[in-house]
N, C-alpha and C. Protein backbone atom coordinates (compact mmCIF):
# COMPACT_ATOMS: atom_id res chain seq x y z
N MET A 1 -18.43 24.97 -62.66
CA MET A 1 -18.60 23.54 -63.33
C MET A 1 -18.66 22.70 -61.88
N LYS A 2 -19.55 22.00 -61.50
CA LYS A 2 -19.53 21.05 -60.84
C LYS A 2 -19.25 19.69 -61.04
N ASN A 3 -18.81 18.92 -60.36
CA ASN A 3 -18.08 17.48 -60.90
C ASN A 3 -18.69 16.58 -60.32
N GLN A 4 -19.04 15.66 -60.31
CA GLN A 4 -19.72 14.27 -59.37
C GLN A 4 -18.66 13.07 -59.24
N ILE A 5 -17.94 13.20 -58.40
CA ILE A 5 -16.83 12.54 -58.04
C ILE A 5 -17.16 11.19 -57.25
N LYS A 6 -16.87 10.18 -57.81
CA LYS A 6 -17.62 8.87 -57.14
C LYS A 6 -16.16 7.96 -56.63
N ASN A 7 -16.20 6.94 -56.08
CA ASN A 7 -15.13 6.10 -55.58
C ASN A 7 -14.08 6.77 -55.85
N PHE A 8 -13.66 7.57 -55.02
CA PHE A 8 -12.35 8.27 -55.15
C PHE A 8 -11.38 7.29 -53.76
N LYS A 9 -10.04 7.01 -54.39
CA LYS A 9 -9.32 6.41 -53.50
C LYS A 9 -8.22 6.51 -53.49
N LEU A 10 -7.24 5.98 -52.39
CA LEU A 10 -5.71 6.62 -52.88
C LEU A 10 -5.05 4.88 -53.10
N SER A 11 -4.05 5.00 -53.77
CA SER A 11 -3.36 3.39 -53.96
C SER A 11 -1.72 4.01 -54.01
N PRO A 12 -0.88 2.90 -53.91
CA PRO A 12 0.75 3.33 -54.45
C PRO A 12 0.60 3.66 -55.78
N LEU A 13 2.02 4.52 -55.89
CA LEU A 13 2.27 5.06 -57.17
C LEU A 13 3.24 3.60 -58.09
N LYS A 14 2.68 3.45 -59.37
CA LYS A 14 3.77 2.51 -59.82
C LYS A 14 3.55 2.70 -61.41
N ASP A 15 4.89 2.67 -61.75
CA ASP A 15 5.00 3.11 -63.08
C ASP A 15 4.68 4.81 -63.62
N ALA A 16 5.05 5.39 -62.90
CA ALA A 16 4.11 7.18 -62.66
C ALA A 16 4.73 7.50 -64.07
N LYS A 17 4.09 8.43 -64.91
CA LYS A 17 4.42 8.94 -66.30
C LYS A 17 4.57 10.43 -66.26
N PHE A 18 4.44 10.85 -64.91
CA PHE A 18 4.78 12.42 -65.01
C PHE A 18 5.49 12.89 -63.87
N ILE A 19 5.58 11.78 -62.66
CA ILE A 19 6.50 12.25 -61.48
C ILE A 19 7.15 10.86 -61.13
N LYS A 20 8.40 11.67 -60.29
CA LYS A 20 9.03 10.12 -59.82
C LYS A 20 9.09 10.70 -58.16
N THR A 21 8.98 9.71 -57.24
CA THR A 21 9.53 10.09 -55.80
C THR A 21 10.60 9.65 -55.75
N ALA A 22 11.13 10.26 -54.17
CA ALA A 22 12.48 9.52 -54.23
C ALA A 22 12.97 10.04 -52.62
N LYS A 23 14.20 9.15 -52.04
CA LYS A 23 14.29 9.93 -51.01
C LYS A 23 15.82 10.25 -51.11
N ALA A 24 16.00 11.57 -50.68
CA ALA A 24 17.32 12.35 -50.60
C ALA A 24 18.18 12.08 -50.01
N SER A 25 19.45 11.59 -49.76
CA SER A 25 20.33 11.68 -48.46
C SER A 25 21.49 12.17 -49.19
N PHE A 26 21.89 13.25 -47.75
CA PHE A 26 22.97 14.12 -48.02
C PHE A 26 23.63 14.47 -46.81
N ASN A 27 25.07 15.09 -46.76
CA ASN A 27 25.71 15.39 -45.66
C ASN A 27 25.73 16.96 -45.85
N GLN A 28 24.46 17.89 -44.90
CA GLN A 28 24.82 19.11 -44.96
C GLN A 28 25.94 19.86 -43.66
N ASN A 29 26.79 20.02 -43.59
CA ASN A 29 27.72 20.58 -42.77
C ASN A 29 28.09 19.82 -41.93
N GLY A 30 28.08 18.77 -42.19
CA GLY A 30 28.62 17.42 -41.34
C GLY A 30 27.48 16.54 -40.78
N ILE A 31 26.24 16.83 -41.06
CA ILE A 31 25.32 16.51 -40.56
C ILE A 31 24.26 15.68 -41.26
N ASP A 32 24.30 14.17 -41.16
CA ASP A 32 23.36 13.23 -42.47
C ASP A 32 22.25 13.57 -42.16
N LYS A 33 21.40 13.55 -43.79
CA LYS A 33 20.43 14.04 -43.40
C LYS A 33 19.35 13.36 -44.65
N SER A 34 18.04 13.20 -44.60
CA SER A 34 17.38 12.80 -45.75
C SER A 34 16.52 13.47 -45.91
N TRP A 35 15.38 13.58 -47.20
CA TRP A 35 14.47 14.48 -47.68
C TRP A 35 13.47 13.54 -48.53
N GLU A 36 11.80 13.69 -48.75
CA GLU A 36 11.13 12.75 -49.30
C GLU A 36 11.11 14.11 -50.41
N LEU A 37 11.37 13.66 -51.69
CA LEU A 37 11.05 14.59 -52.35
C LEU A 37 10.20 13.62 -54.00
N ILE A 38 9.72 14.54 -54.66
CA ILE A 38 9.17 14.37 -56.14
C ILE A 38 9.70 14.98 -56.93
N HIS A 39 10.02 14.56 -58.16
CA HIS A 39 10.99 15.13 -59.42
C HIS A 39 9.68 15.27 -60.24
N SER A 40 9.23 16.17 -60.51
CA SER A 40 8.35 16.18 -61.59
C SER A 40 8.59 17.14 -62.75
N HIS A 41 8.03 16.82 -63.96
CA HIS A 41 8.05 18.08 -65.16
C HIS A 41 8.08 19.35 -64.51
N ASP A 42 8.76 20.56 -65.31
CA ASP A 42 8.53 21.58 -65.40
C ASP A 42 7.49 22.28 -66.37
N SER A 43 6.83 23.40 -66.30
CA SER A 43 5.87 23.78 -66.81
C SER A 43 5.80 24.99 -67.30
N VAL A 44 4.76 25.44 -68.06
CA VAL A 44 4.58 26.75 -68.71
C VAL A 44 3.16 27.45 -68.25
N ALA A 45 3.29 28.55 -67.70
CA ALA A 45 1.46 29.22 -67.49
C ALA A 45 1.63 30.36 -68.28
N ILE A 46 0.21 30.70 -68.73
CA ILE A 46 -0.02 32.03 -69.81
C ILE A 46 -0.93 32.95 -68.92
N LEU A 47 -0.84 34.29 -68.51
CA LEU A 47 -1.67 35.13 -68.34
C LEU A 47 -2.25 35.68 -69.54
N ILE A 48 -3.58 35.34 -69.90
CA ILE A 48 -4.00 35.63 -70.84
C ILE A 48 -5.52 36.62 -70.88
N TYR A 49 -5.02 38.44 -71.26
CA TYR A 49 -5.53 38.95 -71.54
C TYR A 49 -6.81 39.36 -72.51
N HIS A 50 -8.08 39.44 -72.28
CA HIS A 50 -9.06 39.49 -73.44
C HIS A 50 -8.95 41.25 -73.55
N THR A 51 -8.72 41.67 -74.79
CA THR A 51 -8.77 43.16 -74.86
C THR A 51 -9.94 43.33 -74.77
N THR A 52 -11.07 42.65 -75.61
CA THR A 52 -12.44 43.62 -76.04
C THR A 52 -13.27 43.19 -74.59
N LYS A 53 -12.96 42.20 -74.08
CA LYS A 53 -14.00 41.86 -72.76
C LYS A 53 -13.03 42.54 -71.51
N ASP A 54 -12.02 43.12 -71.63
CA ASP A 54 -11.05 43.79 -70.29
C ASP A 54 -11.58 42.37 -69.01
N ALA A 55 -11.15 41.62 -69.61
CA ALA A 55 -10.94 40.04 -68.57
C ALA A 55 -9.96 39.42 -68.95
N PHE A 56 -9.50 38.58 -67.71
CA PHE A 56 -8.70 37.62 -67.88
C PHE A 56 -9.52 36.37 -68.31
N VAL A 57 -8.70 35.40 -69.06
CA VAL A 57 -9.18 34.20 -69.83
C VAL A 57 -8.68 33.09 -68.74
N LEU A 58 -9.52 32.19 -67.85
CA LEU A 58 -8.62 31.32 -67.11
C LEU A 58 -9.50 30.25 -67.58
N VAL A 59 -8.91 29.09 -66.51
CA VAL A 59 -9.29 28.05 -66.76
C VAL A 59 -9.99 27.30 -65.39
N ASN A 60 -10.89 26.58 -65.33
CA ASN A 60 -11.23 26.10 -64.56
C ASN A 60 -11.53 24.68 -64.19
N GLN A 61 -10.79 23.89 -63.36
CA GLN A 61 -10.54 22.02 -63.79
C GLN A 61 -10.63 21.58 -62.63
N PHE A 62 -10.87 20.20 -62.72
CA PHE A 62 -10.81 19.11 -61.15
C PHE A 62 -9.33 18.81 -61.29
N ARG A 63 -9.21 19.04 -59.76
CA ARG A 63 -7.58 18.65 -59.33
C ARG A 63 -7.60 17.30 -58.41
N PRO A 64 -7.21 16.30 -58.48
CA PRO A 64 -7.80 15.27 -57.31
C PRO A 64 -6.86 15.82 -55.89
N ALA A 65 -5.93 16.57 -55.77
CA ALA A 65 -5.31 16.59 -54.79
C ALA A 65 -5.89 17.85 -54.12
N VAL A 66 -6.44 18.36 -54.75
CA VAL A 66 -7.05 19.60 -54.09
C VAL A 66 -8.51 18.62 -53.39
N TYR A 67 -8.92 17.97 -54.34
CA TYR A 67 -10.15 17.22 -53.81
C TYR A 67 -9.94 16.39 -52.70
N LEU A 68 -8.58 15.87 -52.24
CA LEU A 68 -8.28 15.58 -51.19
C LEU A 68 -8.49 16.41 -49.68
N GLN A 69 -7.98 17.84 -50.44
CA GLN A 69 -8.23 18.91 -49.07
C GLN A 69 -9.27 19.25 -48.71
N ASN A 70 -10.57 19.54 -49.99
CA ASN A 70 -11.89 20.01 -49.62
C ASN A 70 -13.04 19.27 -50.24
N LYS A 71 -12.61 18.27 -50.77
CA LYS A 71 -13.93 17.20 -51.65
C LYS A 71 -14.82 18.13 -52.71
N ASP A 72 -14.05 18.77 -53.31
CA ASP A 72 -14.47 19.83 -54.36
C ASP A 72 -13.84 19.50 -55.53
N GLY A 73 -12.53 19.67 -55.23
CA GLY A 73 -11.18 19.73 -56.23
C GLY A 73 -11.03 20.66 -57.49
N MET A 74 -12.25 21.48 -57.10
CA MET A 74 -12.05 22.45 -58.72
C MET A 74 -10.98 23.65 -58.21
N SER A 75 -10.39 24.08 -59.28
CA SER A 75 -9.47 25.31 -59.02
C SER A 75 -9.15 25.88 -60.32
N ILE A 76 -9.56 27.28 -60.02
CA ILE A 76 -9.40 28.37 -60.92
C ILE A 76 -7.75 28.76 -61.15
N GLU A 77 -7.14 28.20 -62.72
CA GLU A 77 -5.67 28.61 -62.85
C GLU A 77 -5.37 29.35 -64.03
N LEU A 78 -4.27 29.92 -64.21
CA LEU A 78 -4.00 30.19 -65.81
C LEU A 78 -4.10 28.98 -66.24
N CYS A 79 -4.25 29.65 -67.95
CA CYS A 79 -4.09 28.22 -68.87
C CYS A 79 -2.27 27.88 -68.91
N ALA A 80 -2.24 26.50 -68.57
CA ALA A 80 -1.14 26.08 -68.13
C ALA A 80 -0.70 25.02 -69.11
N GLY A 81 0.57 24.01 -68.92
CA GLY A 81 0.82 23.10 -69.56
C GLY A 81 2.43 22.40 -69.01
N ILE A 82 2.29 21.11 -68.98
CA ILE A 82 3.81 20.56 -68.97
C ILE A 82 5.12 20.45 -69.74
N VAL A 83 5.86 20.67 -68.92
CA VAL A 83 6.76 20.82 -70.30
C VAL A 83 7.51 19.17 -70.49
N ASP A 84 6.95 18.50 -71.63
CA ASP A 84 7.01 17.09 -71.58
C ASP A 84 7.13 16.77 -73.13
N LYS A 85 7.46 17.81 -73.87
CA LYS A 85 7.76 17.60 -75.72
C LYS A 85 9.17 18.45 -75.84
N GLU A 86 9.48 17.71 -76.97
CA GLU A 86 10.57 18.45 -77.48
C GLU A 86 10.75 19.83 -78.39
N CYS A 87 10.06 20.64 -78.05
CA CYS A 87 9.90 22.13 -78.90
C CYS A 87 10.18 22.94 -77.30
N SER A 88 10.05 24.50 -77.90
CA SER A 88 10.29 25.46 -77.08
C SER A 88 9.18 25.86 -76.00
N LEU A 89 9.37 26.45 -75.28
CA LEU A 89 8.68 26.69 -74.01
C LEU A 89 7.81 27.59 -74.87
N ILE A 90 7.86 28.42 -75.37
CA ILE A 90 6.95 29.48 -75.58
C ILE A 90 5.97 28.59 -76.82
N GLU A 91 6.61 27.70 -77.53
CA GLU A 91 5.31 26.70 -78.58
C GLU A 91 4.78 26.05 -77.70
N ILE A 92 5.14 25.69 -76.61
CA ILE A 92 4.23 24.88 -75.63
C ILE A 92 3.29 25.70 -75.14
N ALA A 93 3.58 26.87 -74.59
CA ALA A 93 2.49 27.77 -74.07
C ALA A 93 1.53 28.32 -75.70
N LYS A 94 1.96 28.53 -76.43
CA LYS A 94 0.93 28.64 -77.85
C LYS A 94 0.01 27.53 -78.01
N GLU A 95 0.16 26.23 -77.89
CA GLU A 95 -0.48 25.18 -78.02
C GLU A 95 -1.35 25.02 -76.90
N GLU A 96 -0.83 24.89 -75.44
CA GLU A 96 -1.85 25.12 -74.25
C GLU A 96 -2.99 26.36 -74.52
N ILE A 97 -2.66 27.49 -75.32
CA ILE A 97 -3.70 28.42 -75.23
C ILE A 97 -4.82 27.99 -76.27
N GLU A 98 -4.35 27.34 -77.48
CA GLU A 98 -5.19 26.99 -77.99
C GLU A 98 -6.32 25.58 -77.58
N GLU A 99 -5.45 24.83 -77.16
CA GLU A 99 -6.05 23.58 -76.47
C GLU A 99 -7.09 23.35 -75.41
N GLU A 100 -6.60 24.35 -74.44
CA GLU A 100 -7.78 24.68 -73.18
C GLU A 100 -8.46 26.00 -73.30
N CYS A 101 -7.83 26.91 -74.09
CA CYS A 101 -8.91 28.30 -74.19
C CYS A 101 -9.63 28.26 -75.54
N GLY A 102 -9.06 28.11 -76.72
CA GLY A 102 -9.23 28.26 -77.95
C GLY A 102 -9.01 29.24 -78.62
N TYR A 103 -8.12 29.97 -78.39
CA TYR A 103 -7.35 31.20 -78.93
C TYR A 103 -6.11 30.71 -79.94
N ALA A 104 -6.04 31.19 -81.10
CA ALA A 104 -4.67 31.05 -81.84
C ALA A 104 -3.99 32.14 -81.50
N VAL A 105 -3.17 32.14 -81.11
CA VAL A 105 -1.85 32.96 -81.08
C VAL A 105 -0.65 32.63 -81.90
N SER A 106 -0.05 33.79 -81.89
CA SER A 106 1.16 33.84 -82.87
C SER A 106 2.16 33.82 -81.55
N THR A 107 3.59 33.02 -81.92
CA THR A 107 4.56 33.02 -81.04
C THR A 107 5.18 34.56 -80.26
N LYS A 108 5.23 35.26 -81.67
CA LYS A 108 5.64 36.49 -81.54
C LYS A 108 5.04 37.41 -80.59
N ASP A 109 3.75 37.07 -80.35
CA ASP A 109 2.83 37.96 -79.66
C ASP A 109 3.10 37.90 -77.94
N ILE A 110 3.51 36.47 -78.03
CA ILE A 110 3.71 35.92 -76.30
C ILE A 110 4.84 36.91 -75.68
N SER A 111 4.70 36.84 -74.82
CA SER A 111 6.16 37.79 -73.58
C SER A 111 6.12 37.30 -72.91
N LEU A 112 7.50 37.10 -72.42
CA LEU A 112 7.80 36.12 -71.19
C LEU A 112 7.37 37.04 -69.95
N ILE A 113 7.12 36.53 -68.56
CA ILE A 113 7.28 37.72 -67.47
C ILE A 113 8.20 37.05 -66.93
N THR A 114 8.54 35.94 -66.33
CA THR A 114 9.86 35.31 -65.60
C THR A 114 9.41 33.58 -65.18
N SER A 115 10.47 33.59 -64.87
CA SER A 115 10.09 31.85 -64.49
C SER A 115 10.03 32.06 -62.64
N TYR A 116 9.81 31.03 -61.81
CA TYR A 116 10.22 30.42 -60.59
C TYR A 116 9.80 29.23 -60.05
N HIS A 117 10.29 28.83 -59.10
CA HIS A 117 10.31 27.55 -58.68
C HIS A 117 8.85 27.10 -57.83
N SER A 118 8.16 26.15 -57.82
CA SER A 118 7.16 26.29 -57.11
C SER A 118 7.26 24.99 -56.23
N SER A 119 6.51 24.51 -55.04
CA SER A 119 6.74 23.42 -53.88
C SER A 119 7.69 23.27 -54.13
N VAL A 120 8.88 24.11 -53.49
CA VAL A 120 10.15 23.89 -53.23
C VAL A 120 10.27 22.86 -51.85
N GLY A 121 9.45 22.66 -51.12
CA GLY A 121 9.56 21.70 -50.24
C GLY A 121 9.70 20.28 -50.17
N PHE A 122 9.06 20.05 -51.77
CA PHE A 122 8.99 18.75 -52.02
C PHE A 122 9.13 18.32 -53.12
N ALA A 123 9.29 19.20 -54.45
CA ALA A 123 9.21 19.08 -55.73
C ALA A 123 10.21 20.03 -56.27
N GLY A 124 10.14 21.45 -56.49
CA GLY A 124 10.80 22.53 -56.67
C GLY A 124 10.73 22.76 -57.94
N SER A 125 10.22 22.15 -58.98
CA SER A 125 9.86 22.42 -60.36
C SER A 125 9.76 24.22 -60.71
N LYS A 126 10.11 24.11 -61.89
CA LYS A 126 10.25 25.47 -62.18
C LYS A 126 9.15 25.53 -63.52
N GLN A 127 8.37 26.84 -63.25
CA GLN A 127 7.35 27.08 -63.98
C GLN A 127 7.42 28.46 -65.04
N THR A 128 6.96 28.78 -65.75
CA THR A 128 7.78 29.74 -67.01
C THR A 128 6.40 30.44 -67.33
N LEU A 129 6.33 31.83 -66.56
CA LEU A 129 5.17 32.40 -66.73
C LEU A 129 5.30 33.34 -68.20
N TYR A 130 4.38 33.48 -68.74
CA TYR A 130 4.24 34.14 -70.22
C TYR A 130 2.85 34.95 -70.06
N TYR A 131 2.49 36.15 -71.08
CA TYR A 131 1.40 36.76 -71.06
C TYR A 131 1.26 37.61 -72.50
N VAL A 132 -0.07 37.21 -72.92
CA VAL A 132 -0.04 37.36 -74.09
C VAL A 132 -2.09 37.79 -74.03
N GLU A 133 -2.20 38.47 -75.33
CA GLU A 133 -3.42 39.40 -75.33
C GLU A 133 -4.41 38.84 -76.31
N VAL A 134 -5.55 38.75 -76.26
CA VAL A 134 -6.16 37.67 -77.09
C VAL A 134 -7.56 38.85 -77.79
N ASP A 135 -8.41 38.71 -78.50
CA ASP A 135 -9.69 38.89 -78.95
C ASP A 135 -10.64 38.24 -79.50
N GLU A 136 -11.75 38.40 -79.61
CA GLU A 136 -12.67 37.48 -80.45
C GLU A 136 -12.17 36.86 -81.67
N THR A 137 -11.92 37.76 -82.31
CA THR A 137 -11.08 37.20 -83.66
C THR A 137 -10.39 36.02 -83.79
N MET A 138 -9.58 35.98 -82.56
CA MET A 138 -8.40 35.04 -82.60
C MET A 138 -9.00 33.72 -82.01
N GLN A 139 -10.37 33.71 -81.32
CA GLN A 139 -10.91 32.29 -80.97
C GLN A 139 -11.30 31.57 -82.27
N ILE A 140 -10.73 30.08 -82.27
CA ILE A 140 -11.00 29.53 -82.99
C ILE A 140 -11.75 28.09 -82.63
N SER A 141 -11.93 27.91 -81.34
CA SER A 141 -12.79 26.94 -80.56
C SER A 141 -13.11 27.36 -79.06
N GLU A 142 -13.79 26.67 -78.54
CA GLU A 142 -14.63 26.77 -77.28
C GLU A 142 -13.51 26.25 -76.13
N GLY A 143 -12.17 25.91 -76.73
CA GLY A 143 -11.16 25.14 -75.85
C GLY A 143 -11.84 24.02 -75.24
N GLY A 144 -11.41 24.31 -73.67
CA GLY A 144 -11.56 22.91 -72.90
C GLY A 144 -10.92 21.72 -73.06
N GLY A 145 -9.67 21.69 -73.63
CA GLY A 145 -8.27 20.83 -73.28
C GLY A 145 -8.97 19.53 -74.74
N VAL A 146 -8.09 18.60 -74.29
CA VAL A 146 -7.47 17.53 -75.46
C VAL A 146 -7.91 16.53 -74.61
N ASP A 147 -8.26 15.21 -75.52
CA ASP A 147 -8.40 13.74 -75.01
C ASP A 147 -9.66 13.88 -74.00
N ASP A 148 -9.46 13.97 -72.72
CA ASP A 148 -10.47 13.56 -71.50
C ASP A 148 -10.24 14.84 -70.87
N GLU A 149 -9.70 15.82 -71.22
CA GLU A 149 -9.40 16.77 -69.95
C GLU A 149 -11.07 17.17 -69.83
N GLN A 150 -11.42 18.18 -68.82
CA GLN A 150 -12.57 18.53 -68.72
C GLN A 150 -12.45 19.97 -68.28
N ILE A 151 -12.20 20.67 -69.03
CA ILE A 151 -11.45 22.70 -68.61
C ILE A 151 -12.74 23.53 -69.05
N GLU A 152 -12.99 24.12 -68.06
CA GLU A 152 -13.91 25.02 -68.47
C GLU A 152 -13.07 26.36 -68.33
N VAL A 153 -14.06 27.52 -69.85
CA VAL A 153 -12.64 28.71 -69.91
C VAL A 153 -13.73 29.58 -69.28
N ILE A 154 -13.13 30.65 -68.24
CA ILE A 154 -14.05 31.23 -67.55
C ILE A 154 -13.09 32.86 -68.00
N TYR A 155 -14.23 33.78 -67.92
CA TYR A 155 -13.71 35.10 -68.16
C TYR A 155 -13.67 35.93 -66.58
N LEU A 156 -12.65 36.31 -66.37
CA LEU A 156 -12.80 37.05 -65.04
C LEU A 156 -12.30 38.72 -65.34
N PRO A 157 -13.24 39.20 -65.40
CA PRO A 157 -13.18 41.21 -65.52
C PRO A 157 -12.03 41.57 -64.91
N THR A 158 -10.88 42.34 -65.10
CA THR A 158 -9.94 42.96 -64.45
C THR A 158 -10.26 43.57 -62.74
N SER A 159 -11.59 44.11 -63.27
CA SER A 159 -12.16 45.08 -62.35
C SER A 159 -12.09 43.86 -60.83
N LYS A 160 -12.56 42.60 -61.28
CA LYS A 160 -12.73 41.64 -60.01
C LYS A 160 -11.53 40.91 -59.64
N ALA A 161 -10.29 41.51 -60.11
CA ALA A 161 -9.17 40.44 -60.15
C ALA A 161 -8.59 40.51 -58.66
N LYS A 162 -8.45 41.94 -58.04
CA LYS A 162 -7.92 41.83 -56.89
C LYS A 162 -8.52 41.44 -55.78
N GLU A 163 -9.91 41.48 -55.94
CA GLU A 163 -11.18 41.14 -54.99
C GLU A 163 -10.85 39.21 -54.94
N PHE A 164 -10.56 38.88 -56.34
CA PHE A 164 -10.30 37.40 -56.71
C PHE A 164 -8.96 36.83 -55.99
N ILE A 165 -7.99 37.83 -55.86
CA ILE A 165 -6.74 37.12 -55.57
C ILE A 165 -6.87 37.11 -54.25
N TYR A 166 -7.75 37.56 -53.24
CA TYR A 166 -7.62 37.83 -51.66
C TYR A 166 -8.88 36.70 -50.94
N ASP A 167 -9.43 36.40 -51.99
CA ASP A 167 -10.78 35.60 -51.80
C ASP A 167 -10.27 34.31 -51.08
N LYS A 168 -10.35 33.83 -49.73
CA LYS A 168 -10.05 32.60 -49.17
C LYS A 168 -10.82 31.44 -49.53
N ASP A 169 -11.86 31.55 -49.84
CA ASP A 169 -12.58 30.42 -50.27
C ASP A 169 -12.66 29.86 -51.83
N ILE A 170 -11.69 30.87 -52.86
CA ILE A 170 -11.44 30.37 -54.01
C ILE A 170 -10.31 29.21 -54.01
N VAL A 171 -10.05 28.23 -54.85
CA VAL A 171 -8.75 27.85 -54.80
C VAL A 171 -8.24 28.31 -56.02
N ARG A 172 -7.18 28.74 -55.93
CA ARG A 172 -6.75 29.25 -56.76
C ARG A 172 -5.02 28.98 -56.95
N THR A 173 -4.44 28.86 -57.92
CA THR A 173 -2.86 28.80 -57.76
C THR A 173 -2.04 29.91 -57.68
N THR A 174 -0.82 29.99 -57.11
CA THR A 174 0.50 30.87 -56.79
C THR A 174 0.56 31.58 -58.01
N GLY A 175 0.55 30.73 -59.23
CA GLY A 175 1.14 31.39 -60.59
C GLY A 175 0.18 32.35 -60.86
N LEU A 176 -0.97 32.36 -60.68
CA LEU A 176 -2.31 33.11 -61.04
C LEU A 176 -1.98 34.21 -60.49
N MET A 177 -1.99 34.50 -59.04
CA MET A 177 -1.96 35.52 -58.04
C MET A 177 -0.59 36.21 -58.34
N PHE A 178 0.26 35.32 -58.87
CA PHE A 178 1.85 35.98 -58.94
C PHE A 178 1.51 37.10 -60.36
N GLY A 179 0.73 36.22 -61.48
CA GLY A 179 0.52 36.82 -62.79
C GLY A 179 -0.56 37.98 -62.59
N PHE A 180 -1.37 37.89 -61.72
CA PHE A 180 -2.18 39.25 -61.63
C PHE A 180 -1.79 40.24 -60.70
N LEU A 181 -0.72 40.16 -59.96
CA LEU A 181 0.35 41.08 -59.01
C LEU A 181 0.81 41.40 -60.16
N TRP A 182 1.52 41.13 -61.29
CA TRP A 182 2.25 41.62 -62.11
C TRP A 182 1.54 42.42 -63.09
N TRP A 183 0.18 41.86 -63.45
CA TRP A 183 -0.30 42.89 -64.23
C TRP A 183 -0.87 44.29 -63.44
N PHE A 184 -0.97 44.37 -62.42
CA PHE A 184 -1.37 45.79 -61.53
C PHE A 184 -0.28 45.85 -61.25
N GLY A 185 1.00 45.88 -61.45
CA GLY A 185 2.50 46.55 -61.29
C GLY A 185 3.02 47.20 -62.10
N ARG A 186 2.48 46.67 -63.37
CA ARG A 186 2.97 47.31 -64.71
C ARG A 186 3.18 48.47 -64.71
N GLY A 187 4.42 49.12 -65.37
CA GLY A 187 4.20 50.87 -65.32
C GLY A 187 3.51 51.66 -65.73
């Protein structure tokens, strides 16, 4: 998916919906310190394995923060979503799988891998990683997200995943790489 980005600019953040910036002040071992930080939502991510295709189901989407770095902005990621509603993490994961990737799964088929914190230098938000298997009988739509999201669903053969992890020219998330390493390290 290639985007045509025009008129990209930065401006001060006012009335933020998803993050809050702050300056933390504290005393550590008798020394007064301060640190700039962002308080953001926790999230869920799901490593989806398509059993018939022997492939991972991933999403490719535009990320403005990545655009600042490379003027392309596309990132290949696990299906994921922020924790911003009153339901269980596994229910949020189920909804994201359907919205982003187009597969209807049962919460009983979604397994917890682990949780970890990311961007600990400035945000420290927690991501909970799940695993689920799908096949073509579970596909109910093309996916692509909701509202004005523009998400491309891609299938990465498991035989290409190790090469993908180490390709320095591909923008991908830490959660995705961790999920792949978990997959290959299973007993």
